[in-house]
Amino acid sequence: MVDYSFKEDFKYKHENPYHEKLGEFSDFVLRDHEAEAHKGKWNQDVFKRDGQLFLEIGTGAGHFMIDYCVDHPTHNFVGLDYRFKRSFHLAKKLASLEFKNFRYLRAKGERTEFMFEENELDGIFYFFPDPWPKTKHNKKRLIQEPFLKSANKVLKPGGIFYIKTDHDDYAAWMEKEIKKCDLFEILLESKDLRAEHPDHLLAKYTTGFEKIFLEQGIKIKAFVLRSKK
């Protein structure tokens, strides 16, 4: 059964005070369906400049987002997360930055193909998602056929999808789903990213969660996928 969030007529419903608080940052924050109004026009109407366009799903505390934007000032970067309080605290941090080659969405990753047009994104980053470890909750995992189809749709031909996880079972699940859908070429698959690929882009950046996992001796699993379009 497909998550209702993937359907065109999905409507966000909530009564959370942080929704209104996020409105304080409307110059760079879009909430709920606001991002969907810019489908196909992110560079033209939102960033108002040409540049490679990247999406990060599950931005969290923003460690990767901020570091990446500093290192890639010509890229246009869209961070996304669904948690209200976390989004508000990150928005306060982002507001203090001098550079603004980013926008931030309080939205659902399942809505990706409604926020971005076909062939609009150069790349997608998805780091350390909730693994939903209980079998009865596995259906909540984002990496499965509906989302992989959406991700492939919005990526340009040859666009890159970067994934990292700490969770062995979710990594195995990802591998199975990716190969089953056969929409992406696997450029990199690692069960110990930092030992096997210490110089790779994915090993260069450390998220807040990742730092904790590494301190606990947990090996980082990673995939780099290229759209077969």
C-alpha atoms as a PDB file:
ATOM      1  CA  MET A   1       0.000   0.000   0.000  1.00  0.00           C
ATOM      2  CA  VAL A   2       1.447   3.354  -1.077  1.00  0.00           C
ATOM      3  CA  ASP A   3       1.812   6.037   1.598  1.00  0.00           C
ATOM      4  CA  TYR A   4      -0.899   8.662   1.088  1.00  0.00           C
ATOM      5  CA  SER A   5       1.830  11.327   1.094  1.00  0.00           C
ATOM      6  CA  PHE A   6       2.803  10.231  -2.419  1.00  0.00           C
ATOM      7  CA  LYS A   7      -0.643  11.043  -3.819  1.00  0.00           C
ATOM      8  CA  GLU A   8      -1.348  14.282  -5.637  1.00  0.00           C
ATOM      9  CA  ASP A   9      -4.326  15.233  -3.465  1.00  0.00           C
ATOM     10  CA  PHE A  10      -2.415  14.858  -0.163  1.00  0.00           C
ATOM     11  CA  LYS A  11      -2.937  17.758   2.263  1.00  0.00           C
ATOM     12  CA  TYR A  12      -0.746  18.647   5.225  1.00  0.00           C
ATOM     13  CA  LYS A  13      -2.730  18.741   8.461  1.00  0.00           C
ATOM     14  CA  HIS A  14      -1.316  19.848  11.798  1.00  0.00           C
ATOM     15  CA  GLU A  15      -1.742  22.251  14.677  1.00  0.00           C
ATOM     16  CA  ASN A  16       1.805  22.950  15.755  1.00  0.00           C
ATOM     17  CA  PRO A  17       2.951  26.335  17.082  1.00  0.00           C
ATOM     18  CA  TYR A  18       6.303  25.969  15.350  1.00  0.00           C
ATOM     19  CA  HIS A  19       4.544  26.154  11.988  1.00  0.00           C
ATOM     20  CA  GLU A  20       3.735  29.804  12.651  1.00  0.00           C
ATOM     21  CA  LYS A  21       7.128  30.473  14.210  1.00  0.00           C
ATOM     22  CA  LEU A  22       8.814  29.265  11.032  1.00  0.00           C
ATOM     23  CA  GLY A  23       6.937  32.024   9.240  1.00  0.00           C
ATOM     24  CA  GLU A  24       9.437  34.456  10.773  1.00  0.00           C
ATOM     25  CA  PHE A  25      11.982  33.150   8.269  1.00  0.00           C
ATOM     26  CA  SER A  26       9.862  33.346   5.118  1.00  0.00           C
ATOM     27  CA  ASP A  27      12.760  34.828   3.143  1.00  0.00           C
ATOM     28  CA  PHE A  28      14.359  31.361   2.990  1.00  0.00           C
ATOM     29  CA  VAL A  29      11.906  28.895   4.641  1.00  0.00           C
ATOM     30  CA  LEU A  30       8.946  27.320   2.853  1.00  0.00           C
ATOM     31  CA  ARG A  31       6.344  25.316   4.756  1.00  0.00           C
ATOM     32  CA  ASP A  32       4.086  22.459   3.718  1.00  0.00           C
ATOM     33  CA  HIS A  33       2.753  22.977   0.173  1.00  0.00           C
ATOM     34  CA  GLU A  34       4.522  26.334  -0.310  1.00  0.00           C
ATOM     35  CA  ALA A  35       7.494  24.592  -1.916  1.00  0.00           C
ATOM     36  CA  GLU A  36       5.257  22.870  -4.469  1.00  0.00           C
ATOM     37  CA  ALA A  37       4.401  26.216  -6.066  1.00  0.00           C
ATOM     38  CA  HIS A  38       7.998  26.426  -7.321  1.00  0.00           C
ATOM     39  CA  LYS A  39       8.091  23.075  -9.103  1.00  0.00           C
ATOM     40  CA  GLY A  40      10.257  23.403 -12.192  1.00  0.00           C
ATOM     41  CA  LYS A  41      11.265  26.977 -11.328  1.00  0.00           C
ATOM     42  CA  TRP A  42      13.674  26.712  -8.405  1.00  0.00           C
ATOM     43  CA  ASN A  43      16.679  28.245 -10.087  1.00  0.00           C
ATOM     44  CA  GLN A  44      14.667  30.786 -12.052  1.00  0.00           C
ATOM     45  CA  ASP A  45      12.207  32.043  -9.426  1.00  0.00           C
ATOM     46  CA  VAL A  46      13.636  31.044  -6.051  1.00  0.00           C
ATOM     47  CA  PHE A  47      17.412  31.274  -6.317  1.00  0.00           C
ATOM     48  CA  LYS A  48      17.253  33.682  -9.271  1.00  0.00           C
ATOM     49  CA  ARG A  49      20.487  32.346 -10.692  1.00  0.00           C
ATOM     50  CA  ASP A  50      21.773  29.387 -12.654  1.00  0.00           C
ATOM     51  CA  GLY A  51      23.573  26.655 -10.792  1.00  0.00           C
ATOM     52  CA  GLN A  52      23.501  22.973  -9.994  1.00  0.00           C
ATOM     53  CA  LEU A  53      20.483  22.216  -7.813  1.00  0.00           C
ATOM     54  CA  PHE A  54      20.692  19.778  -4.900  1.00  0.00           C
ATOM     55  CA  LEU A  55      18.174  18.482  -2.358  1.00  0.00           C
ATOM     56  CA  GLU A  56      18.953  17.086   1.089  1.00  0.00           C
ATOM     57  CA  ILE A  57      16.173  15.029   2.658  1.00  0.00           C
ATOM     58  CA  GLY A  58      16.378  14.875   6.451  1.00  0.00           C
ATOM     59  CA  THR A  59      18.558  17.912   7.094  1.00  0.00           C
ATOM     60  CA  GLY A  60      18.401  17.490  10.867  1.00  0.00           C
ATOM     61  CA  ALA A  61      20.591  19.998  12.699  1.00  0.00           C
ATOM     62  CA  GLY A  62      22.031  21.234   9.407  1.00  0.00           C
ATOM     63  CA  HIS A  63      25.680  20.207   9.819  1.00  0.00           C
ATOM     64  CA  PHE A  64      26.030  18.843   6.289  1.00  0.00           C
ATOM     65  CA  MET A  65      23.849  21.519   4.723  1.00  0.00           C
ATOM     66  CA  ILE A  66      25.900  24.388   6.114  1.00  0.00           C
ATOM     67  CA  ASP A  67      29.307  22.839   5.422  1.00  0.00           C
ATOM     68  CA  TYR A  68      28.334  21.865   1.889  1.00  0.00           C
ATOM     69  CA  CYS A  69      26.960  25.324   1.080  1.00  0.00           C
ATOM     70  CA  VAL A  70      30.185  26.930   2.330  1.00  0.00           C
ATOM     71  CA  ASP A  71      32.280  24.636   0.143  1.00  0.00           C
ATOM     72  CA  HIS A  72      30.030  24.953  -2.939  1.00  0.00           C
ATOM     73  CA  PRO A  73      28.935  28.602  -3.185  1.00  0.00           C
ATOM     74  CA  THR A  74      27.821  28.243  -6.816  1.00  0.00           C
ATOM     75  CA  HIS A  75      25.434  25.380  -6.025  1.00  0.00           C
ATOM     76  CA  ASN A  76      21.788  25.966  -5.130  1.00  0.00           C
ATOM     77  CA  PHE A  77      20.916  23.830  -2.113  1.00  0.00           C
ATOM     78  CA  VAL A  78      17.497  22.902  -0.722  1.00  0.00           C
ATOM     79  CA  GLY A  79      17.382  21.358   2.749  1.00  0.00           C
ATOM     80  CA  LEU A  80      14.274  19.519   3.924  1.00  0.00           C
ATOM     81  CA  ASP A  81      13.035  18.100   7.194  1.00  0.00           C
ATOM     82  CA  TYR A  82       9.631  17.270   8.631  1.00  0.00           C
ATOM     83  CA  ARG A  83      10.126  17.853  12.345  1.00  0.00           C
ATOM     84  CA  PHE A  84       8.784  21.173  13.539  1.00  0.00           C
ATOM     85  CA  LYS A  85      10.971  22.089  16.537  1.00  0.00           C
ATOM     86  CA  ARG A  86      14.138  20.865  14.847  1.00  0.00           C
ATOM     87  CA  SER A  87      13.267  22.911  11.754  1.00  0.00           C
ATOM     88  CA  PHE A  88      12.713  26.054  13.812  1.00  0.00           C
ATOM     89  CA  HIS A  89      16.039  25.775  15.630  1.00  0.00           C
ATOM     90  CA  LEU A  90      17.858  25.164  12.362  1.00  0.00           C
ATOM     91  CA  ALA A  91      16.090  28.138  10.751  1.00  0.00           C
ATOM     92  CA  LYS A  92      17.402  30.384  13.551  1.00  0.00           C
ATOM     93  CA  LYS A  93      20.917  29.131  12.856  1.00  0.00           C
ATOM     94  CA  LEU A  94      20.557  29.584   9.096  1.00  0.00           C
ATOM     95  CA  ALA A  95      19.244  33.126   9.521  1.00  0.00           C
ATOM     96  CA  SER A  96      22.546  34.203  11.047  1.00  0.00           C
ATOM     97  CA  LEU A  97      24.626  33.083   8.058  1.00  0.00           C
ATOM     98  CA  GLU A  98      25.993  35.648   5.630  1.00  0.00           C
ATOM     99  CA  PHE A  99      25.751  33.355   2.591  1.00  0.00           C
ATOM    100  CA  LYS A 100      22.318  32.396   1.263  1.00  0.00           C
ATOM    101  CA  ASN A 101      22.822  29.791  -1.478  1.00  0.00           C
ATOM    102  CA  PHE A 102      20.146  27.667   0.209  1.00  0.00           C
ATOM    103  CA  ARG A 103      16.459  27.386   0.968  1.00  0.00           C
ATOM    104  CA  TYR A 104      14.886  25.278   3.706  1.00  0.00           C
ATOM    105  CA  LEU A 105      11.646  23.282   3.519  1.00  0.00           C
ATOM    106  CA  ARG A 106       9.513  22.034   6.389  1.00  0.00           C
ATOM    107  CA  ALA A 107       7.938  19.308   4.305  1.00  0.00           C
ATOM    108  CA  LYS A 108       7.834  15.570   3.644  1.00  0.00           C
ATOM    109  CA  GLY A 109      10.399  13.773   1.521  1.00  0.00           C
ATOM    110  CA  GLU A 110       7.567  11.716   0.041  1.00  0.00           C
ATOM    111  CA  ARG A 111       6.439  14.920  -1.740  1.00  0.00           C
ATOM    112  CA  THR A 112       9.681  15.249  -3.725  1.00  0.00           C
ATOM    113  CA  GLU A 113       8.133  14.831  -7.177  1.00  0.00           C
ATOM    114  CA  PHE A 114       5.487  17.444  -6.346  1.00  0.00           C
ATOM    115  CA  MET A 115       8.140  19.963  -5.290  1.00  0.00           C
ATOM    116  CA  PHE A 116      10.550  19.392  -8.177  1.00  0.00           C
ATOM    117  CA  GLU A 117       9.959  18.931 -11.881  1.00  0.00           C
ATOM    118  CA  GLU A 118      11.165  15.982 -13.887  1.00  0.00           C
ATOM    119  CA  ASN A 119      14.932  16.320 -14.568  1.00  0.00           C
ATOM    120  CA  GLU A 120      15.260  19.376 -12.284  1.00  0.00           C
ATOM    121  CA  LEU A 121      17.746  18.121  -9.657  1.00  0.00           C
ATOM    122  CA  ASP A 122      21.433  17.446 -10.133  1.00  0.00           C
ATOM    123  CA  GLY A 123      21.665  15.432  -6.936  1.00  0.00           C
ATOM    124  CA  ILE A 124      19.927  14.215  -3.775  1.00  0.00           C
ATOM    125  CA  PHE A 125      21.459  13.599  -0.356  1.00  0.00           C
ATOM    126  CA  TYR A 126      19.792  11.308   2.201  1.00  0.00           C
ATOM    127  CA  PHE A 127      21.770  10.709   5.375  1.00  0.00           C
ATOM    128  CA  PHE A 128      20.929   8.643   8.468  1.00  0.00           C
ATOM    129  CA  PRO A 129      17.164   8.304   8.133  1.00  0.00           C
ATOM    130  CA  ASP A 130      15.026   6.735  10.830  1.00  0.00           C
ATOM    131  CA  PRO A 131      15.567   2.986  10.197  1.00  0.00           C
ATOM    132  CA  TRP A 132      12.113   1.973  11.449  1.00  0.00           C
ATOM    133  CA  PRO A 133      13.671  -1.276  12.761  1.00  0.00           C
ATOM    134  CA  LYS A 134      10.505  -3.107  13.823  1.00  0.00           C
ATOM    135  CA  THR A 135       9.182  -5.339  11.061  1.00  0.00           C
ATOM    136  CA  LYS A 136       5.685  -3.894  11.356  1.00  0.00           C
ATOM    137  CA  HIS A 137       7.153  -0.424  10.754  1.00  0.00           C
ATOM    138  CA  ASN A 138       9.368  -1.326   7.775  1.00  0.00           C
ATOM    139  CA  LYS A 139       6.694   0.019   5.433  1.00  0.00           C
ATOM    140  CA  LYS A 140       7.517   3.523   6.720  1.00  0.00           C
ATOM    141  CA  ARG A 141      11.039   3.367   5.283  1.00  0.00           C
ATOM    142  CA  LEU A 142      11.463   5.900   2.513  1.00  0.00           C
ATOM    143  CA  ILE A 143      13.845   3.829   0.397  1.00  0.00           C
ATOM    144  CA  GLN A 144      11.497   1.590  -1.511  1.00  0.00           C
ATOM    145  CA  GLU A 145       9.837   1.581  -4.918  1.00  0.00           C
ATOM    146  CA  PRO A 146       7.519   4.634  -4.706  1.00  0.00           C
ATOM    147  CA  PHE A 147      10.249   6.986  -3.534  1.00  0.00           C
ATOM    148  CA  LEU A 148      12.978   5.547  -5.745  1.00  0.00           C
ATOM    149  CA  LYS A 149      10.715   6.218  -8.729  1.00  0.00           C
ATOM    150  CA  SER A 150      10.130   9.784  -7.528  1.00  0.00           C
ATOM    151  CA  ALA A 151      13.842  10.374  -6.942  1.00  0.00           C
ATOM    152  CA  ASN A 152      14.739   9.056 -10.370  1.00  0.00           C
ATOM    153  CA  LYS A 153      12.034  11.199 -11.961  1.00  0.00           C
ATOM    154  CA  VAL A 154      13.261  14.519 -10.521  1.00  0.00           C
ATOM    155  CA  LEU A 155      16.952  13.795 -11.102  1.00  0.00           C
ATOM    156  CA  LYS A 156      18.526  14.811 -14.376  1.00  0.00           C
ATOM    157  CA  PRO A 157      19.838  12.007 -16.603  1.00  0.00           C
ATOM    158  CA  GLY A 158      22.952  10.813 -14.818  1.00  0.00           C
ATOM    159  CA  GLY A 159      21.948  12.652 -11.617  1.00  0.00           C
ATOM    160  CA  ILE A 160      23.456  11.339  -8.398  1.00  0.00           C
ATOM    161  CA  PHE A 161      21.711  10.048  -5.261  1.00  0.00           C
ATOM    162  CA  TYR A 162      23.946   9.894  -2.159  1.00  0.00           C
ATOM    163  CA  ILE A 163      22.904   7.787   0.853  1.00  0.00           C
ATOM    164  CA  LYS A 164      24.448   7.067   4.259  1.00  0.00           C
ATOM    165  CA  THR A 165      23.089   4.967   7.131  1.00  0.00           C
ATOM    166  CA  ASP A 166      24.343   3.530  10.398  1.00  0.00           C
ATOM    167  CA  HIS A 167      21.795   0.689  10.344  1.00  0.00           C
ATOM    168  CA  ASP A 168      22.859  -2.710   8.954  1.00  0.00           C
ATOM    169  CA  ASP A 169      19.342  -3.997   8.318  1.00  0.00           C
ATOM    170  CA  TYR A 170      18.201  -0.818   6.584  1.00  0.00           C
ATOM    171  CA  ALA A 171      21.352  -0.892   4.422  1.00  0.00           C
ATOM    172  CA  ALA A 172      20.512  -4.445   3.343  1.00  0.00           C
ATOM    173  CA  TRP A 173      16.914  -3.366   2.699  1.00  0.00           C
ATOM    174  CA  MET A 174      18.161  -0.430   0.607  1.00  0.00           C
ATOM    175  CA  GLU A 175      20.384  -2.654  -1.497  1.00  0.00           C
ATOM    176  CA  LYS A 176      17.487  -5.012  -2.215  1.00  0.00           C
ATOM    177  CA  GLU A 177      15.061  -2.210  -3.115  1.00  0.00           C
ATOM    178  CA  ILE A 178      17.587  -0.376  -5.301  1.00  0.00           C
ATOM    179  CA  LYS A 179      18.428  -3.498  -7.283  1.00  0.00           C
ATOM    180  CA  LYS A 180      14.778  -4.528  -7.559  1.00  0.00           C
ATOM    181  CA  CYS A 181      13.739  -1.197  -9.070  1.00  0.00           C
ATOM    182  CA  ASP A 182      16.710  -1.143 -11.449  1.00  0.00           C
ATOM    183  CA  LEU A 183      16.484   2.632 -11.948  1.00  0.00           C
ATOM    184  CA  PHE A 184      19.986   3.447 -10.741  1.00  0.00           C
ATOM    185  CA  GLU A 185      23.511   2.336 -11.442  1.00  0.00           C
ATOM    186  CA  ILE A 186      25.353   1.650  -8.161  1.00  0.00           C
ATOM    187  CA  LEU A 187      28.598   3.621  -8.364  1.00  0.00           C
ATOM    188  CA  LEU A 188      29.578   2.937  -4.760  1.00  0.00           C
ATOM    189  CA  GLU A 189      28.341   0.499  -2.143  1.00  0.00           C
ATOM    190  CA  SER A 190      30.223   0.329   1.140  1.00  0.00           C
ATOM    191  CA  LYS A 191      29.692  -1.353   4.476  1.00  0.00           C
ATOM    192  CA  ASP A 192      32.492   0.727   6.047  1.00  0.00           C
ATOM    193  CA  LEU A 193      32.712   4.061   4.263  1.00  0.00           C
ATOM    194  CA  ARG A 194      35.628   5.593   6.114  1.00  0.00           C
ATOM    195  CA  ALA A 195      37.827   2.514   5.957  1.00  0.00           C
ATOM    196  CA  GLU A 196      37.063   1.745   2.312  1.00  0.00           C
ATOM    197  CA  HIS A 197      36.669   5.229   0.817  1.00  0.00           C
ATOM    198  CA  PRO A 198      38.339   7.749   3.169  1.00  0.00           C
ATOM    199  CA  ASP A 199      38.782  10.368   0.430  1.00  0.00           C
ATOM    200  CA  HIS A 200      35.252  10.235  -0.955  1.00  0.00           C
ATOM    201  CA  LEU A 201      32.868  13.196  -0.767  1.00  0.00           C
ATOM    202  CA  LEU A 202      30.665  11.240   1.652  1.00  0.00           C
ATOM    203  CA  ALA A 203      33.574  10.699   4.051  1.00  0.00           C
ATOM    204  CA  LYS A 204      34.540  14.371   3.971  1.00  0.00           C
ATOM    205  CA  TYR A 205      31.396  15.532   5.765  1.00  0.00           C
ATOM    206  CA  THR A 206      30.218  14.344   9.187  1.00  0.00           C
ATOM    207  CA  THR A 207      26.669  14.978  10.378  1.00  0.00           C
ATOM    208  CA  GLY A 208      25.738  15.317  14.046  1.00  0.00           C
ATOM    209  CA  PHE A 209      24.274  11.823  14.168  1.00  0.00           C
ATOM    210  CA  GLU A 210      27.222  10.426  12.254  1.00  0.00           C
ATOM    211  CA  LYS A 211      29.677  11.783  14.810  1.00  0.00           C
ATOM    212  CA  ILE A 212      27.835   9.894  17.552  1.00  0.00           C
ATOM    213  CA  PHE A 213      27.793   6.685  15.523  1.00  0.00           C
ATOM    214  CA  LEU A 214      31.505   6.905  14.786  1.00  0.00           C
ATOM    215  CA  GLU A 215      32.294   7.498  18.471  1.00  0.00           C
ATOM    216  CA  GLN A 216      30.342   4.321  19.220  1.00  0.00           C
ATOM    217  CA  GLY A 217      32.412   2.376  16.686  1.00  0.00           C
ATOM    218  CA  ILE A 218      29.509   1.905  14.291  1.00  0.00           C
ATOM    219  CA  LYS A 219      30.531   1.472  10.658  1.00  0.00           C
ATOM    220  CA  ILE A 220      28.911   3.815   8.173  1.00  0.00           C
ATOM    221  CA  LYS A 221      27.135   2.174   5.261  1.00  0.00           C
ATOM    222  CA  ALA A 222      26.881   4.167   2.025  1.00  0.00           C
ATOM    223  CA  PHE A 223      25.532   4.110  -1.518  1.00  0.00           C
ATOM    224  CA  VAL A 224      26.183   6.394  -4.454  1.00  0.00           C
ATOM    225  CA  LEU A 225      23.623   5.882  -7.187  1.00  0.00           C
ATOM    226  CA  ARG A 226      23.447   7.329 -10.693  1.00  0.00           C
ATOM    227  CA  SER A 227      20.182   7.630 -12.575  1.00  0.00           C
ATOM    228  CA  LYS A 228      20.073   5.349 -15.599  1.00  0.00           C
ATOM    229  CA  LYS A 229      17.964   7.852 -17.553  1.00  0.00           C
END
